[in-house]
Amino acid sequence: MVNSRHSFAQLWQPVSGAVGVVLAVTGTFLPWIQSGRVAKNSYQLAGAAERYLPDVNSVVTAAVALWPWQGPAWAVVLVLYLLRLRRTAAIAGGVLALLLLTVSVAALVLGPRADSSWVTMRSAGPVVTTIGCALVLVAAVLITLRRRNVRIGVFTPASHHS
């Protein structure tokens, strides 16, 4: 019974992380705001912010400039995981998820409301991104804290001498 529980945990963590990444990325392509009759996704929103809000502050400027690079960043996390650098991938994915989670929650909390005259918040994109990032964060923490499998007797200096 212990082995099946251990196997489930080992399978659940990367699967939930992968589902989280898919949801996080999908959410960035879903509507984040509505301007008139046109719904805009996070990339369109970031492009507009880059044009109309130059140099608001360094954090916002960096976030807007780096927003289109999250796809390649997730690809790097995947490559690290496939190279069996599980903890490194988990930490990188966790940091990336935390950054995206911050933006998506900020959009939900601070975004324009229905009483705005020309722009309103569309919650589909930020909500899906938030759920995906939360899944990635949970998986990242569990993978990072998971004990390493130690193989005893494969090669030890004591067994090599005999």
N, C-alpha and C. Protein backbone atom coordinates (compact mmCIF):
# COMPACT_ATOMS: atom_id res chain seq x y z
N MET A 1 0.82 -1.19 0.00
CA MET A 1 0.00 0.00 0.00
C MET A 1 0.86 1.26 0.00
N VAL A 2 1.98 1.23 0.70
CA VAL A 2 2.86 2.39 0.75
C VAL A 2 3.39 2.71 -0.65
N ASN A 3 3.75 1.69 -1.41
CA ASN A 3 4.28 1.92 -2.75
C ASN A 3 3.25 2.57 -3.66
N SER A 4 1.97 2.16 -3.58
CA SER A 4 0.96 2.76 -4.44
C SER A 4 0.72 4.21 -4.07
N ARG A 5 0.77 4.53 -2.77
CA ARG A 5 0.60 5.91 -2.36
C ARG A 5 1.79 6.75 -2.81
N HIS A 6 2.98 6.18 -2.68
CA HIS A 6 4.19 6.87 -3.12
C HIS A 6 4.16 7.10 -4.64
N SER A 7 3.72 6.10 -5.38
CA SER A 7 3.62 6.23 -6.84
C SER A 7 2.60 7.29 -7.23
N PHE A 8 1.46 7.31 -6.51
CA PHE A 8 0.43 8.31 -6.79
C PHE A 8 0.98 9.72 -6.57
N ALA A 9 1.70 9.91 -5.46
CA ALA A 9 2.27 11.23 -5.17
C ALA A 9 3.28 11.64 -6.23
N GLN A 10 4.11 10.68 -6.66
CA GLN A 10 5.10 11.00 -7.69
C GLN A 10 4.44 11.32 -9.02
N LEU A 11 3.32 10.70 -9.32
CA LEU A 11 2.61 10.97 -10.56
C LEU A 11 1.77 12.23 -10.46
N TRP A 12 1.12 12.43 -9.32
CA TRP A 12 0.22 13.56 -9.16
C TRP A 12 0.95 14.89 -9.27
N GLN A 13 2.13 14.99 -8.70
CA GLN A 13 2.84 16.27 -8.68
C GLN A 13 3.17 16.78 -10.08
N PRO A 14 3.83 16.00 -10.94
CA PRO A 14 4.12 16.54 -12.27
C PRO A 14 2.86 16.71 -13.12
N VAL A 15 1.86 15.84 -12.94
CA VAL A 15 0.63 15.97 -13.72
C VAL A 15 -0.10 17.25 -13.33
N SER A 16 -0.23 17.50 -12.04
CA SER A 16 -0.90 18.73 -11.61
C SER A 16 -0.11 19.96 -12.05
N GLY A 17 1.21 19.86 -12.02
CA GLY A 17 2.04 20.96 -12.51
C GLY A 17 1.83 21.21 -13.99
N ALA A 18 1.77 20.13 -14.77
CA ALA A 18 1.57 20.27 -16.22
C ALA A 18 0.18 20.84 -16.53
N VAL A 19 -0.84 20.35 -15.83
CA VAL A 19 -2.19 20.89 -16.02
C VAL A 19 -2.21 22.37 -15.64
N GLY A 20 -1.52 22.70 -14.56
CA GLY A 20 -1.43 24.09 -14.13
C GLY A 20 -0.78 24.98 -15.18
N VAL A 21 0.30 24.50 -15.79
CA VAL A 21 0.97 25.28 -16.84
C VAL A 21 0.02 25.49 -18.02
N VAL A 22 -0.68 24.44 -18.44
CA VAL A 22 -1.62 24.56 -19.56
C VAL A 22 -2.70 25.58 -19.22
N LEU A 23 -3.24 25.52 -18.01
CA LEU A 23 -4.28 26.49 -17.61
C LEU A 23 -3.71 27.90 -17.53
N ALA A 24 -2.52 28.04 -16.96
CA ALA A 24 -1.92 29.37 -16.82
C ALA A 24 -1.70 30.01 -18.19
N VAL A 25 -1.16 29.24 -19.12
CA VAL A 25 -0.91 29.78 -20.46
C VAL A 25 -2.22 30.04 -21.20
N THR A 26 -3.17 29.10 -21.10
CA THR A 26 -4.46 29.28 -21.75
C THR A 26 -5.15 30.54 -21.25
N GLY A 27 -5.07 30.77 -19.94
CA GLY A 27 -5.69 31.95 -19.36
C GLY A 27 -5.14 33.25 -19.90
N THR A 28 -3.88 33.26 -20.30
CA THR A 28 -3.31 34.50 -20.84
C THR A 28 -3.89 34.84 -22.21
N PHE A 29 -4.44 33.84 -22.91
CA PHE A 29 -5.04 34.07 -24.22
C PHE A 29 -6.55 34.34 -24.14
N LEU A 30 -7.15 34.10 -22.99
CA LEU A 30 -8.57 34.37 -22.80
C LEU A 30 -8.77 35.87 -22.54
N PRO A 31 -10.00 36.37 -22.65
CA PRO A 31 -10.23 37.81 -22.42
C PRO A 31 -9.89 38.25 -21.00
N TRP A 32 -9.20 39.39 -20.90
CA TRP A 32 -8.87 40.02 -19.62
C TRP A 32 -9.66 41.31 -19.43
N ILE A 33 -9.87 42.05 -20.52
CA ILE A 33 -10.66 43.28 -20.44
C ILE A 33 -11.58 43.36 -21.66
N GLN A 34 -12.58 44.21 -21.56
CA GLN A 34 -13.49 44.48 -22.66
C GLN A 34 -13.43 45.98 -22.92
N SER A 35 -13.12 46.34 -24.14
CA SER A 35 -13.09 47.74 -24.55
C SER A 35 -14.15 47.90 -25.63
N GLY A 36 -15.26 48.51 -25.28
CA GLY A 36 -16.38 48.58 -26.22
C GLY A 36 -16.91 47.19 -26.46
N ARG A 37 -16.90 46.76 -27.71
CA ARG A 37 -17.35 45.40 -28.05
C ARG A 37 -16.19 44.42 -28.23
N VAL A 38 -14.96 44.88 -28.03
CA VAL A 38 -13.78 44.07 -28.29
C VAL A 38 -13.18 43.56 -26.98
N ALA A 39 -13.05 42.23 -26.88
CA ALA A 39 -12.38 41.62 -25.73
C ALA A 39 -10.89 41.53 -26.04
N LYS A 40 -10.07 41.83 -25.04
CA LYS A 40 -8.62 41.82 -25.23
C LYS A 40 -7.98 40.84 -24.25
N ASN A 41 -7.01 40.05 -24.78
CA ASN A 41 -6.30 39.11 -23.91
C ASN A 41 -5.14 39.82 -23.21
N SER A 42 -4.40 39.09 -22.41
CA SER A 42 -3.34 39.70 -21.61
C SER A 42 -2.21 40.26 -22.47
N TYR A 43 -1.95 39.65 -23.60
CA TYR A 43 -0.87 40.13 -24.48
C TYR A 43 -1.26 41.46 -25.13
N GLN A 44 -2.51 41.56 -25.55
CA GLN A 44 -3.00 42.83 -26.09
C GLN A 44 -3.01 43.91 -25.01
N LEU A 45 -3.39 43.52 -23.81
CA LEU A 45 -3.39 44.45 -22.69
C LEU A 45 -1.98 44.92 -22.37
N ALA A 46 -1.01 43.99 -22.38
CA ALA A 46 0.38 44.35 -22.11
C ALA A 46 0.91 45.27 -23.20
N GLY A 47 0.55 45.01 -24.45
CA GLY A 47 0.97 45.88 -25.54
C GLY A 47 0.42 47.28 -25.39
N ALA A 48 -0.85 47.39 -25.02
CA ALA A 48 -1.46 48.71 -24.80
C ALA A 48 -0.79 49.42 -23.62
N ALA A 49 -0.51 48.68 -22.56
CA ALA A 49 0.15 49.28 -21.40
C ALA A 49 1.54 49.78 -21.76
N GLU A 50 2.23 49.03 -22.62
CA GLU A 50 3.58 49.44 -23.04
C GLU A 50 3.52 50.74 -23.84
N ARG A 51 2.49 50.88 -24.66
CA ARG A 51 2.35 52.10 -25.48
C ARG A 51 1.85 53.30 -24.68
N TYR A 52 0.86 53.06 -23.83
CA TYR A 52 0.18 54.19 -23.19
C TYR A 52 0.61 54.49 -21.77
N LEU A 53 1.35 53.60 -21.16
CA LEU A 53 1.83 53.82 -19.79
C LEU A 53 3.34 53.65 -19.72
N PRO A 54 4.09 54.42 -20.50
CA PRO A 54 5.54 54.23 -20.48
C PRO A 54 6.13 54.66 -19.14
N ASP A 55 7.02 53.82 -18.63
CA ASP A 55 7.78 54.12 -17.41
C ASP A 55 6.92 54.52 -16.22
N VAL A 56 5.83 53.78 -15.96
CA VAL A 56 5.02 54.05 -14.78
C VAL A 56 5.88 53.83 -13.54
N ASN A 57 6.46 52.66 -13.44
CA ASN A 57 7.50 52.37 -12.45
C ASN A 57 8.27 51.17 -12.98
N SER A 58 9.41 50.90 -12.39
CA SER A 58 10.29 49.88 -12.94
C SER A 58 9.68 48.48 -12.89
N VAL A 59 8.91 48.17 -11.86
CA VAL A 59 8.31 46.84 -11.74
C VAL A 59 7.26 46.63 -12.83
N VAL A 60 6.39 47.60 -13.01
CA VAL A 60 5.35 47.50 -14.04
C VAL A 60 5.98 47.46 -15.43
N THR A 61 6.97 48.30 -15.66
CA THR A 61 7.65 48.33 -16.95
C THR A 61 8.30 46.98 -17.25
N ALA A 62 8.95 46.39 -16.26
CA ALA A 62 9.60 45.09 -16.46
C ALA A 62 8.56 44.00 -16.70
N ALA A 63 7.48 44.01 -15.93
CA ALA A 63 6.43 42.99 -16.10
C ALA A 63 5.81 43.07 -17.49
N VAL A 64 5.55 44.27 -17.95
CA VAL A 64 4.95 44.45 -19.28
C VAL A 64 5.92 44.02 -20.37
N ALA A 65 7.19 44.37 -20.22
CA ALA A 65 8.19 44.00 -21.23
C ALA A 65 8.42 42.49 -21.28
N LEU A 66 8.35 41.83 -20.13
CA LEU A 66 8.63 40.39 -20.07
C LEU A 66 7.40 39.52 -20.30
N TRP A 67 6.21 40.10 -20.29
CA TRP A 67 4.98 39.31 -20.41
C TRP A 67 4.96 38.39 -21.63
N PRO A 68 5.35 38.85 -22.82
CA PRO A 68 5.33 37.94 -23.97
C PRO A 68 6.33 36.80 -23.89
N TRP A 69 7.28 36.86 -22.98
CA TRP A 69 8.32 35.83 -22.87
C TRP A 69 7.95 34.71 -21.92
N GLN A 70 6.73 34.71 -21.40
CA GLN A 70 6.37 33.63 -20.48
C GLN A 70 6.25 32.29 -21.18
N GLY A 71 5.84 32.25 -22.43
CA GLY A 71 5.79 30.99 -23.18
C GLY A 71 7.15 30.32 -23.26
N PRO A 72 8.17 31.04 -23.74
CA PRO A 72 9.52 30.46 -23.73
C PRO A 72 10.01 30.12 -22.33
N ALA A 73 9.62 30.89 -21.33
CA ALA A 73 10.04 30.59 -19.95
C ALA A 73 9.44 29.27 -19.49
N TRP A 74 8.16 29.03 -19.83
CA TRP A 74 7.54 27.74 -19.48
C TRP A 74 8.23 26.61 -20.25
N ALA A 75 8.66 26.86 -21.47
CA ALA A 75 9.37 25.83 -22.24
C ALA A 75 10.69 25.47 -21.57
N VAL A 76 11.38 26.45 -21.02
CA VAL A 76 12.63 26.20 -20.29
C VAL A 76 12.35 25.33 -19.06
N VAL A 77 11.26 25.62 -18.36
CA VAL A 77 10.88 24.79 -17.20
C VAL A 77 10.65 23.35 -17.64
N LEU A 78 9.95 23.16 -18.75
CA LEU A 78 9.68 21.82 -19.26
C LEU A 78 10.98 21.10 -19.62
N VAL A 79 11.88 21.78 -20.29
CA VAL A 79 13.16 21.17 -20.67
C VAL A 79 13.95 20.77 -19.42
N LEU A 80 13.97 21.62 -18.42
CA LEU A 80 14.66 21.29 -17.16
C LEU A 80 14.05 20.03 -16.54
N TYR A 81 12.73 19.94 -16.56
CA TYR A 81 12.07 18.76 -15.99
C TYR A 81 12.40 17.51 -16.80
N LEU A 82 12.39 17.62 -18.12
CA LEU A 82 12.70 16.47 -18.96
C LEU A 82 14.16 16.04 -18.84
N LEU A 83 15.03 16.98 -18.48
CA LEU A 83 16.43 16.65 -18.24
C LEU A 83 16.66 16.09 -16.83
N ARG A 84 15.56 15.82 -16.15
CA ARG A 84 15.56 15.26 -14.80
C ARG A 84 16.13 16.20 -13.75
N LEU A 85 16.09 17.47 -14.04
CA LEU A 85 16.46 18.49 -13.06
C LEU A 85 15.15 18.94 -12.40
N ARG A 86 14.52 17.99 -11.71
CA ARG A 86 13.16 18.18 -11.19
C ARG A 86 13.05 19.35 -10.21
N ARG A 87 13.95 19.41 -9.25
CA ARG A 87 13.88 20.51 -8.27
C ARG A 87 14.16 21.86 -8.92
N THR A 88 15.11 21.90 -9.81
CA THR A 88 15.40 23.16 -10.51
C THR A 88 14.19 23.60 -11.32
N ALA A 89 13.57 22.65 -12.02
CA ALA A 89 12.36 22.96 -12.79
C ALA A 89 11.23 23.41 -11.87
N ALA A 90 11.09 22.75 -10.72
CA ALA A 90 10.04 23.11 -9.78
C ALA A 90 10.25 24.51 -9.23
N ILE A 91 11.47 24.84 -8.91
CA ILE A 91 11.76 26.18 -8.37
C ILE A 91 11.53 27.24 -9.45
N ALA A 92 12.04 27.00 -10.66
CA ALA A 92 11.84 27.96 -11.76
C ALA A 92 10.35 28.10 -12.07
N GLY A 93 9.63 26.97 -12.13
CA GLY A 93 8.20 27.02 -12.40
C GLY A 93 7.43 27.71 -11.28
N GLY A 94 7.86 27.48 -10.05
CA GLY A 94 7.22 28.14 -8.92
C GLY A 94 7.40 29.64 -8.94
N VAL A 95 8.60 30.09 -9.26
CA VAL A 95 8.86 31.53 -9.35
C VAL A 95 8.03 32.14 -10.49
N LEU A 96 8.02 31.48 -11.63
CA LEU A 96 7.25 31.98 -12.77
C LEU A 96 5.76 32.00 -12.44
N ALA A 97 5.27 30.94 -11.80
CA ALA A 97 3.86 30.89 -11.42
C ALA A 97 3.52 31.99 -10.42
N LEU A 98 4.42 32.24 -9.48
CA LEU A 98 4.18 33.29 -8.49
C LEU A 98 4.09 34.67 -9.16
N LEU A 99 4.94 34.91 -10.14
CA LEU A 99 4.89 36.19 -10.86
C LEU A 99 3.58 36.34 -11.64
N LEU A 100 3.19 35.29 -12.36
CA LEU A 100 1.95 35.35 -13.12
C LEU A 100 0.74 35.42 -12.20
N LEU A 101 0.80 34.71 -11.09
CA LEU A 101 -0.28 34.74 -10.11
C LEU A 101 -0.46 36.16 -9.56
N THR A 102 0.63 36.83 -9.30
CA THR A 102 0.57 38.20 -8.80
C THR A 102 -0.13 39.11 -9.81
N VAL A 103 0.23 38.99 -11.07
CA VAL A 103 -0.38 39.82 -12.11
C VAL A 103 -1.86 39.49 -12.27
N SER A 104 -2.20 38.20 -12.30
CA SER A 104 -3.60 37.83 -12.53
C SER A 104 -4.49 38.22 -11.35
N VAL A 105 -4.01 38.05 -10.13
CA VAL A 105 -4.79 38.47 -8.96
C VAL A 105 -4.91 39.99 -8.92
N ALA A 106 -3.82 40.69 -9.24
CA ALA A 106 -3.87 42.15 -9.29
C ALA A 106 -4.88 42.62 -10.33
N ALA A 107 -4.94 41.95 -11.46
CA ALA A 107 -5.90 42.32 -12.49
C ALA A 107 -7.33 42.12 -11.99
N LEU A 108 -7.56 41.03 -11.26
CA LEU A 108 -8.90 40.78 -10.72
C LEU A 108 -9.28 41.80 -9.65
N VAL A 109 -8.33 42.15 -8.81
CA VAL A 109 -8.62 43.05 -7.70
C VAL A 109 -8.64 44.51 -8.13
N LEU A 110 -7.69 44.89 -8.98
CA LEU A 110 -7.53 46.29 -9.33
C LEU A 110 -8.08 46.67 -10.70
N GLY A 111 -8.52 45.67 -11.47
CA GLY A 111 -8.97 45.93 -12.83
C GLY A 111 -10.21 46.81 -12.90
N PRO A 112 -10.49 47.33 -14.09
CA PRO A 112 -11.65 48.22 -14.25
C PRO A 112 -12.96 47.49 -13.97
N ARG A 113 -13.89 48.18 -13.39
CA ARG A 113 -15.19 47.61 -13.03
C ARG A 113 -16.26 48.02 -14.06
N ALA A 114 -17.42 47.42 -13.93
CA ALA A 114 -18.52 47.64 -14.87
C ALA A 114 -18.98 49.10 -14.89
N ASP A 115 -18.72 49.85 -13.83
CA ASP A 115 -19.15 51.25 -13.81
C ASP A 115 -18.21 52.15 -14.61
N SER A 116 -17.11 51.58 -15.12
CA SER A 116 -16.20 52.34 -15.97
C SER A 116 -16.90 52.65 -17.29
N SER A 117 -16.59 53.79 -17.86
CA SER A 117 -17.33 54.23 -19.04
C SER A 117 -16.99 53.43 -20.31
N TRP A 118 -15.74 53.02 -20.50
CA TRP A 118 -15.40 52.40 -21.77
C TRP A 118 -14.62 51.10 -21.67
N VAL A 119 -14.08 50.78 -20.50
CA VAL A 119 -13.34 49.55 -20.33
C VAL A 119 -13.89 48.80 -19.11
N THR A 120 -14.14 47.50 -19.28
CA THR A 120 -14.59 46.69 -18.15
C THR A 120 -13.71 45.44 -18.03
N MET A 121 -13.70 44.89 -16.86
CA MET A 121 -12.92 43.70 -16.57
C MET A 121 -13.63 42.46 -17.08
N ARG A 122 -12.89 41.58 -17.70
CA ARG A 122 -13.39 40.24 -18.06
C ARG A 122 -12.60 39.27 -17.21
N SER A 123 -13.25 38.49 -16.42
CA SER A 123 -12.53 37.68 -15.44
C SER A 123 -12.06 36.32 -15.96
N ALA A 124 -12.50 35.88 -17.13
CA ALA A 124 -12.15 34.53 -17.61
C ALA A 124 -10.64 34.32 -17.64
N GLY A 125 -9.90 35.22 -18.27
CA GLY A 125 -8.45 35.06 -18.39
C GLY A 125 -7.73 35.06 -17.06
N PRO A 126 -7.94 36.10 -16.24
CA PRO A 126 -7.24 36.12 -14.95
C PRO A 126 -7.62 34.96 -14.03
N VAL A 127 -8.88 34.52 -14.05
CA VAL A 127 -9.30 33.42 -13.17
C VAL A 127 -8.63 32.12 -13.60
N VAL A 128 -8.63 31.82 -14.90
CA VAL A 128 -8.00 30.58 -15.38
C VAL A 128 -6.49 30.63 -15.13
N THR A 129 -5.87 31.78 -15.35
CA THR A 129 -4.44 31.93 -15.08
C THR A 129 -4.15 31.74 -13.59
N THR A 130 -4.99 32.30 -12.72
CA THR A 130 -4.82 32.16 -11.28
C THR A 130 -4.92 30.70 -10.84
N ILE A 131 -5.92 29.98 -11.34
CA ILE A 131 -6.08 28.57 -10.99
C ILE A 131 -4.87 27.77 -11.47
N GLY A 132 -4.43 28.01 -12.70
CA GLY A 132 -3.27 27.30 -13.24
C GLY A 132 -2.02 27.58 -12.43
N CYS A 133 -1.79 28.83 -12.10
CA CYS A 133 -0.59 29.18 -11.32
C CYS A 133 -0.64 28.58 -9.92
N ALA A 134 -1.83 28.52 -9.32
CA ALA A 134 -1.97 27.91 -7.99
C ALA A 134 -1.61 26.42 -8.06
N LEU A 135 -2.06 25.73 -9.11
CA LEU A 135 -1.71 24.31 -9.27
C LEU A 135 -0.20 24.15 -9.44
N VAL A 136 0.41 25.01 -10.25
CA VAL A 136 1.86 24.93 -10.46
C VAL A 136 2.59 25.17 -9.14
N LEU A 137 2.14 26.15 -8.37
CA LEU A 137 2.80 26.43 -7.09
C LEU A 137 2.72 25.25 -6.13
N VAL A 138 1.57 24.63 -6.03
CA VAL A 138 1.42 23.47 -5.14
C VAL A 138 2.35 22.35 -5.60
N ALA A 139 2.34 22.06 -6.89
CA ALA A 139 3.21 21.00 -7.43
C ALA A 139 4.68 21.35 -7.22
N ALA A 140 5.04 22.61 -7.43
CA ALA A 140 6.43 23.04 -7.27
C ALA A 140 6.90 22.86 -5.83
N VAL A 141 6.07 23.24 -4.90
CA VAL A 141 6.44 23.09 -3.48
C VAL A 141 6.60 21.61 -3.13
N LEU A 142 5.65 20.79 -3.56
CA LEU A 142 5.72 19.36 -3.24
C LEU A 142 6.91 18.68 -3.89
N ILE A 143 7.20 19.04 -5.14
CA ILE A 143 8.36 18.44 -5.82
C ILE A 143 9.65 18.90 -5.15
N THR A 144 9.72 20.16 -4.78
CA THR A 144 10.92 20.69 -4.14
C THR A 144 11.16 20.05 -2.78
N LEU A 145 10.09 19.78 -2.04
CA LEU A 145 10.24 19.22 -0.71
C LEU A 145 10.32 17.70 -0.68
N ARG A 146 10.05 17.06 -1.81
CA ARG A 146 10.08 15.60 -1.86
C ARG A 146 11.49 15.08 -1.57
N ARG A 147 11.54 14.04 -0.79
CA ARG A 147 12.84 13.44 -0.48
C ARG A 147 13.40 12.76 -1.72
N ARG A 148 14.69 12.79 -1.82
CA ARG A 148 15.35 12.09 -2.92
C ARG A 148 15.31 10.59 -2.67
N ASN A 149 15.20 9.83 -3.74
CA ASN A 149 15.29 8.37 -3.61
C ASN A 149 16.77 8.01 -3.47
N VAL A 150 17.09 7.41 -2.38
CA VAL A 150 18.47 7.02 -2.13
C VAL A 150 18.59 5.53 -2.39
N ARG A 151 19.49 5.17 -3.25
CA ARG A 151 19.73 3.75 -3.55
C ARG A 151 20.92 3.28 -2.75
N ILE A 152 20.66 2.40 -1.85
CA ILE A 152 21.74 1.89 -0.99
C ILE A 152 22.30 0.64 -1.63
N GLY A 153 23.60 0.56 -1.71
CA GLY A 153 24.24 -0.64 -2.22
C GLY A 153 24.59 -0.58 -3.69
N VAL A 154 24.20 0.48 -4.41
CA VAL A 154 24.54 0.58 -5.81
C VAL A 154 26.05 0.77 -5.95
N PHE A 155 26.58 1.75 -5.26
CA PHE A 155 28.03 1.94 -5.23
C PHE A 155 28.36 2.71 -3.98
N THR A 156 29.09 2.12 -3.12
CA THR A 156 29.59 2.80 -1.93
C THR A 156 31.07 2.46 -1.80
N PRO A 157 31.82 3.36 -1.25
CA PRO A 157 33.25 3.08 -1.11
C PRO A 157 33.53 1.81 -0.31
N ALA A 158 32.70 1.51 0.69
CA ALA A 158 32.92 0.30 1.52
C ALA A 158 32.71 -0.97 0.69
N SER A 159 31.68 -1.01 -0.16
CA SER A 159 31.43 -2.21 -0.94
C SER A 159 32.41 -2.34 -2.11
N HIS A 160 33.04 -1.26 -2.48
CA HIS A 160 33.99 -1.29 -3.59
C HIS A 160 35.30 -1.97 -3.18
N HIS A 161 35.68 -1.84 -1.92
CA HIS A 161 36.94 -2.43 -1.44
C HIS A 161 36.88 -3.94 -1.28
N SER A 162 35.73 -4.52 -1.10
CA SER A 162 35.68 -5.95 -0.82
C SER A 162 35.70 -6.82 -2.04
